């Protein structure tokens, strides 16, 4: 694999995103992205090559289950572990 391993954190709670980013940023071979909603997460997967998604289930608007269904519908994102 070339480049860094990219992890996407999806959570509407800013404190959770901050904490996870702080922990994961310690890994030198990882790059951490975050999104505050399902819509933002889908956009992030279009703009970036993501290797792992940490997805909150309870979010306003598009919840984690609906976001995961959308990710499973697309060839590009179907294989990303959630």
N, C-alpha and C. Protein backbone atom coordinates (compact mmCIF):
# COMPACT_ATOMS: atom_id res chain seq x y z
N UNK A 1 0.85 -1.18 0.00
CA UNK A 1 0.00 0.00 0.00
C UNK A 1 0.89 1.23 0.00
N UNK A 2 0.56 2.19 -0.83
CA UNK A 2 1.31 3.44 -0.87
C UNK A 2 0.53 4.51 -0.13
N UNK A 3 1.21 5.44 0.49
CA UNK A 3 0.55 6.51 1.22
C UNK A 3 0.08 6.06 2.59
N UNK A 4 -0.65 6.93 3.22
CA UNK A 4 -1.13 6.65 4.57
C UNK A 4 -2.46 5.92 4.56
N UNK A 5 -2.70 5.19 5.63
CA UNK A 5 -3.97 4.52 5.87
C UNK A 5 -4.95 5.59 6.33
N UNK A 6 -6.07 5.75 5.66
CA UNK A 6 -7.01 6.84 5.94
C UNK A 6 -8.21 6.32 6.72
N UNK A 7 -8.45 6.92 7.88
CA UNK A 7 -9.58 6.58 8.74
C UNK A 7 -10.54 7.76 8.76
N UNK A 8 -11.81 7.49 8.53
CA UNK A 8 -12.85 8.52 8.58
C UNK A 8 -13.68 8.32 9.83
N UNK A 9 -13.75 9.35 10.66
CA UNK A 9 -14.57 9.34 11.86
C UNK A 9 -15.85 10.11 11.54
N UNK A 10 -17.00 9.47 11.77
CA UNK A 10 -18.29 10.12 11.51
C UNK A 10 -19.09 10.15 12.80
N UNK A 11 -19.30 11.35 13.33
CA UNK A 11 -20.03 11.50 14.59
C UNK A 11 -20.53 12.93 14.67
N UNK A 12 -21.77 13.11 15.12
CA UNK A 12 -22.31 14.46 15.25
C UNK A 12 -21.80 15.15 16.52
N UNK A 13 -21.19 14.41 17.42
CA UNK A 13 -20.67 14.97 18.67
C UNK A 13 -19.21 15.38 18.46
N UNK A 14 -18.96 16.68 18.54
CA UNK A 14 -17.61 17.21 18.31
C UNK A 14 -16.59 16.68 19.32
N UNK A 15 -17.02 16.45 20.56
CA UNK A 15 -16.11 15.93 21.58
C UNK A 15 -15.64 14.52 21.23
N UNK A 16 -16.55 13.70 20.72
CA UNK A 16 -16.18 12.34 20.32
C UNK A 16 -15.19 12.38 19.15
N UNK A 17 -15.46 13.23 18.17
CA UNK A 17 -14.56 13.35 17.03
C UNK A 17 -13.18 13.81 17.48
N UNK A 18 -13.14 14.79 18.37
CA UNK A 18 -11.87 15.32 18.89
C UNK A 18 -11.08 14.22 19.61
N UNK A 19 -11.75 13.47 20.48
CA UNK A 19 -11.07 12.43 21.25
C UNK A 19 -10.52 11.33 20.35
N UNK A 20 -11.34 10.86 19.42
CA UNK A 20 -10.88 9.81 18.51
C UNK A 20 -9.74 10.30 17.62
N UNK A 21 -9.85 11.54 17.15
CA UNK A 21 -8.78 12.10 16.31
C UNK A 21 -7.48 12.19 17.12
N UNK A 22 -7.55 12.62 18.36
CA UNK A 22 -6.36 12.73 19.20
C UNK A 22 -5.69 11.37 19.39
N UNK A 23 -6.48 10.34 19.62
CA UNK A 23 -5.92 9.00 19.80
C UNK A 23 -5.33 8.45 18.51
N UNK A 24 -6.08 8.57 17.42
CA UNK A 24 -5.64 7.98 16.15
C UNK A 24 -4.51 8.76 15.50
N UNK A 25 -4.40 10.03 15.78
CA UNK A 25 -3.34 10.85 15.19
C UNK A 25 -1.96 10.45 15.69
N UNK A 26 -1.92 9.68 16.77
CA UNK A 26 -0.64 9.20 17.29
C UNK A 26 -0.01 8.16 16.36
N UNK A 27 -0.82 7.54 15.53
CA UNK A 27 -0.33 6.52 14.60
C UNK A 27 0.32 7.21 13.41
N UNK A 28 1.60 7.00 13.24
CA UNK A 28 2.35 7.75 12.23
C UNK A 28 1.95 7.39 10.80
N UNK A 29 1.47 6.19 10.59
CA UNK A 29 1.11 5.77 9.23
C UNK A 29 -0.37 5.95 8.91
N UNK A 30 -1.07 6.72 9.74
CA UNK A 30 -2.51 6.95 9.54
C UNK A 30 -2.81 8.43 9.34
N UNK A 31 -3.79 8.66 8.52
CA UNK A 31 -4.34 10.00 8.33
C UNK A 31 -5.79 9.93 8.78
N UNK A 32 -6.23 10.93 9.55
CA UNK A 32 -7.58 10.91 10.11
C UNK A 32 -8.41 12.04 9.52
N UNK A 33 -9.57 11.68 9.01
CA UNK A 33 -10.55 12.65 8.52
C UNK A 33 -11.77 12.56 9.43
N UNK A 34 -12.56 13.62 9.47
CA UNK A 34 -13.80 13.51 10.24
C UNK A 34 -14.95 14.21 9.54
N UNK A 35 -16.15 13.75 9.87
CA UNK A 35 -17.38 14.30 9.32
C UNK A 35 -18.41 14.35 10.44
N UNK A 36 -19.26 15.38 10.41
CA UNK A 36 -20.24 15.55 11.48
C UNK A 36 -21.64 15.05 11.11
N UNK A 37 -21.78 14.44 9.94
CA UNK A 37 -23.08 13.93 9.51
C UNK A 37 -22.88 12.85 8.45
N UNK A 38 -23.96 12.11 8.19
CA UNK A 38 -23.91 11.11 7.15
C UNK A 38 -23.66 11.72 5.78
N UNK A 39 -24.30 12.84 5.51
CA UNK A 39 -24.09 13.52 4.22
C UNK A 39 -22.64 13.94 4.04
N UNK A 40 -22.05 14.49 5.09
CA UNK A 40 -20.65 14.92 5.03
C UNK A 40 -19.72 13.71 4.86
N UNK A 41 -20.08 12.59 5.46
CA UNK A 41 -19.28 11.37 5.32
C UNK A 41 -19.30 10.87 3.88
N UNK A 42 -20.48 10.87 3.26
CA UNK A 42 -20.58 10.43 1.87
C UNK A 42 -19.75 11.33 0.96
N UNK A 43 -19.80 12.62 1.19
CA UNK A 43 -19.00 13.56 0.40
C UNK A 43 -17.51 13.29 0.62
N UNK A 44 -17.14 13.01 1.83
CA UNK A 44 -15.73 12.75 2.15
C UNK A 44 -15.22 11.51 1.43
N UNK A 45 -16.07 10.49 1.29
CA UNK A 45 -15.65 9.28 0.59
C UNK A 45 -15.54 9.50 -0.92
N UNK A 46 -16.23 10.52 -1.43
CA UNK A 46 -16.11 10.86 -2.84
C UNK A 46 -14.78 11.59 -3.09
N UNK A 47 -14.41 12.44 -2.15
CA UNK A 47 -13.22 13.28 -2.31
C UNK A 47 -11.92 12.61 -1.87
N UNK A 48 -12.00 11.52 -1.10
CA UNK A 48 -10.81 10.89 -0.53
C UNK A 48 -10.90 9.37 -0.65
N UNK A 49 -9.73 8.73 -0.68
CA UNK A 49 -9.67 7.27 -0.60
C UNK A 49 -9.64 6.91 0.88
N UNK A 50 -10.74 6.36 1.37
CA UNK A 50 -10.88 6.02 2.78
C UNK A 50 -10.72 4.51 2.94
N UNK A 51 -9.97 4.09 3.98
CA UNK A 51 -9.71 2.68 4.21
C UNK A 51 -10.51 2.09 5.36
N UNK A 52 -11.00 2.93 6.28
CA UNK A 52 -11.77 2.46 7.43
C UNK A 52 -12.70 3.59 7.87
N UNK A 53 -13.94 3.25 8.25
CA UNK A 53 -14.89 4.25 8.72
C UNK A 53 -15.35 3.87 10.12
N UNK A 54 -15.20 4.80 11.05
CA UNK A 54 -15.76 4.67 12.40
C UNK A 54 -17.04 5.49 12.40
N UNK A 55 -18.17 4.82 12.43
CA UNK A 55 -19.46 5.47 12.17
C UNK A 55 -20.39 5.42 13.38
N UNK A 56 -20.81 6.59 13.83
CA UNK A 56 -21.80 6.69 14.90
C UNK A 56 -23.15 6.25 14.34
N UNK A 57 -23.93 5.56 15.15
CA UNK A 57 -25.23 5.09 14.70
C UNK A 57 -26.31 6.15 14.92
N UNK A 58 -26.29 6.80 16.07
CA UNK A 58 -27.33 7.77 16.41
C UNK A 58 -26.89 9.18 16.05
N UNK A 59 -27.39 9.64 14.89
CA UNK A 59 -27.12 11.00 14.44
C UNK A 59 -28.41 11.59 13.91
N UNK A 60 -28.59 12.90 14.03
CA UNK A 60 -29.79 13.52 13.45
C UNK A 60 -29.71 13.49 11.93
N UNK A 61 -30.84 13.55 11.29
CA UNK A 61 -30.86 13.50 9.83
C UNK A 61 -30.60 12.08 9.38
N UNK A 62 -29.56 11.89 8.59
CA UNK A 62 -29.19 10.55 8.13
C UNK A 62 -28.42 9.84 9.24
N UNK A 63 -29.02 8.79 9.82
CA UNK A 63 -28.33 8.08 10.90
C UNK A 63 -27.25 7.16 10.33
N UNK A 64 -26.54 6.50 11.21
CA UNK A 64 -25.43 5.64 10.80
C UNK A 64 -25.86 4.46 9.95
N UNK A 65 -27.04 3.89 10.23
CA UNK A 65 -27.52 2.76 9.44
C UNK A 65 -27.82 3.17 8.01
N UNK A 66 -28.45 4.31 7.84
CA UNK A 66 -28.75 4.80 6.49
C UNK A 66 -27.47 5.17 5.75
N UNK A 67 -26.54 5.78 6.46
CA UNK A 67 -25.25 6.12 5.85
C UNK A 67 -24.55 4.86 5.37
N UNK A 68 -24.55 3.82 6.19
CA UNK A 68 -23.91 2.55 5.81
C UNK A 68 -24.60 1.95 4.59
N UNK A 69 -25.92 2.04 4.53
CA UNK A 69 -26.64 1.51 3.35
C UNK A 69 -26.21 2.25 2.09
N UNK A 70 -26.07 3.56 2.16
CA UNK A 70 -25.61 4.33 1.00
C UNK A 70 -24.19 3.94 0.60
N UNK A 71 -23.33 3.73 1.58
CA UNK A 71 -21.95 3.33 1.30
C UNK A 71 -21.91 1.95 0.63
N UNK A 72 -22.82 1.06 1.03
CA UNK A 72 -22.86 -0.28 0.45
C UNK A 72 -23.40 -0.28 -0.98
N UNK A 73 -24.11 0.74 -1.39
CA UNK A 73 -24.69 0.81 -2.72
C UNK A 73 -23.70 1.22 -3.80
N UNK A 74 -22.57 1.77 -3.40
CA UNK A 74 -21.61 2.30 -4.36
C UNK A 74 -20.40 1.38 -4.48
N UNK A 75 -20.03 1.06 -5.70
CA UNK A 75 -18.89 0.18 -5.96
C UNK A 75 -17.61 0.68 -5.27
N UNK A 76 -17.38 1.98 -5.33
CA UNK A 76 -16.16 2.57 -4.78
C UNK A 76 -16.05 2.42 -3.27
N UNK A 77 -17.18 2.44 -2.56
CA UNK A 77 -17.15 2.44 -1.10
C UNK A 77 -17.66 1.13 -0.48
N UNK A 78 -18.10 0.22 -1.30
CA UNK A 78 -18.70 -1.04 -0.82
C UNK A 78 -17.75 -1.85 0.04
N UNK A 79 -16.49 -1.84 -0.25
CA UNK A 79 -15.52 -2.68 0.46
C UNK A 79 -14.87 -2.04 1.67
N UNK A 80 -15.24 -0.80 1.98
CA UNK A 80 -14.64 -0.12 3.13
C UNK A 80 -15.22 -0.71 4.42
N UNK A 81 -14.37 -1.20 5.33
CA UNK A 81 -14.89 -1.71 6.61
C UNK A 81 -15.49 -0.57 7.43
N UNK A 82 -16.64 -0.86 8.03
CA UNK A 82 -17.32 0.14 8.87
C UNK A 82 -17.39 -0.41 10.27
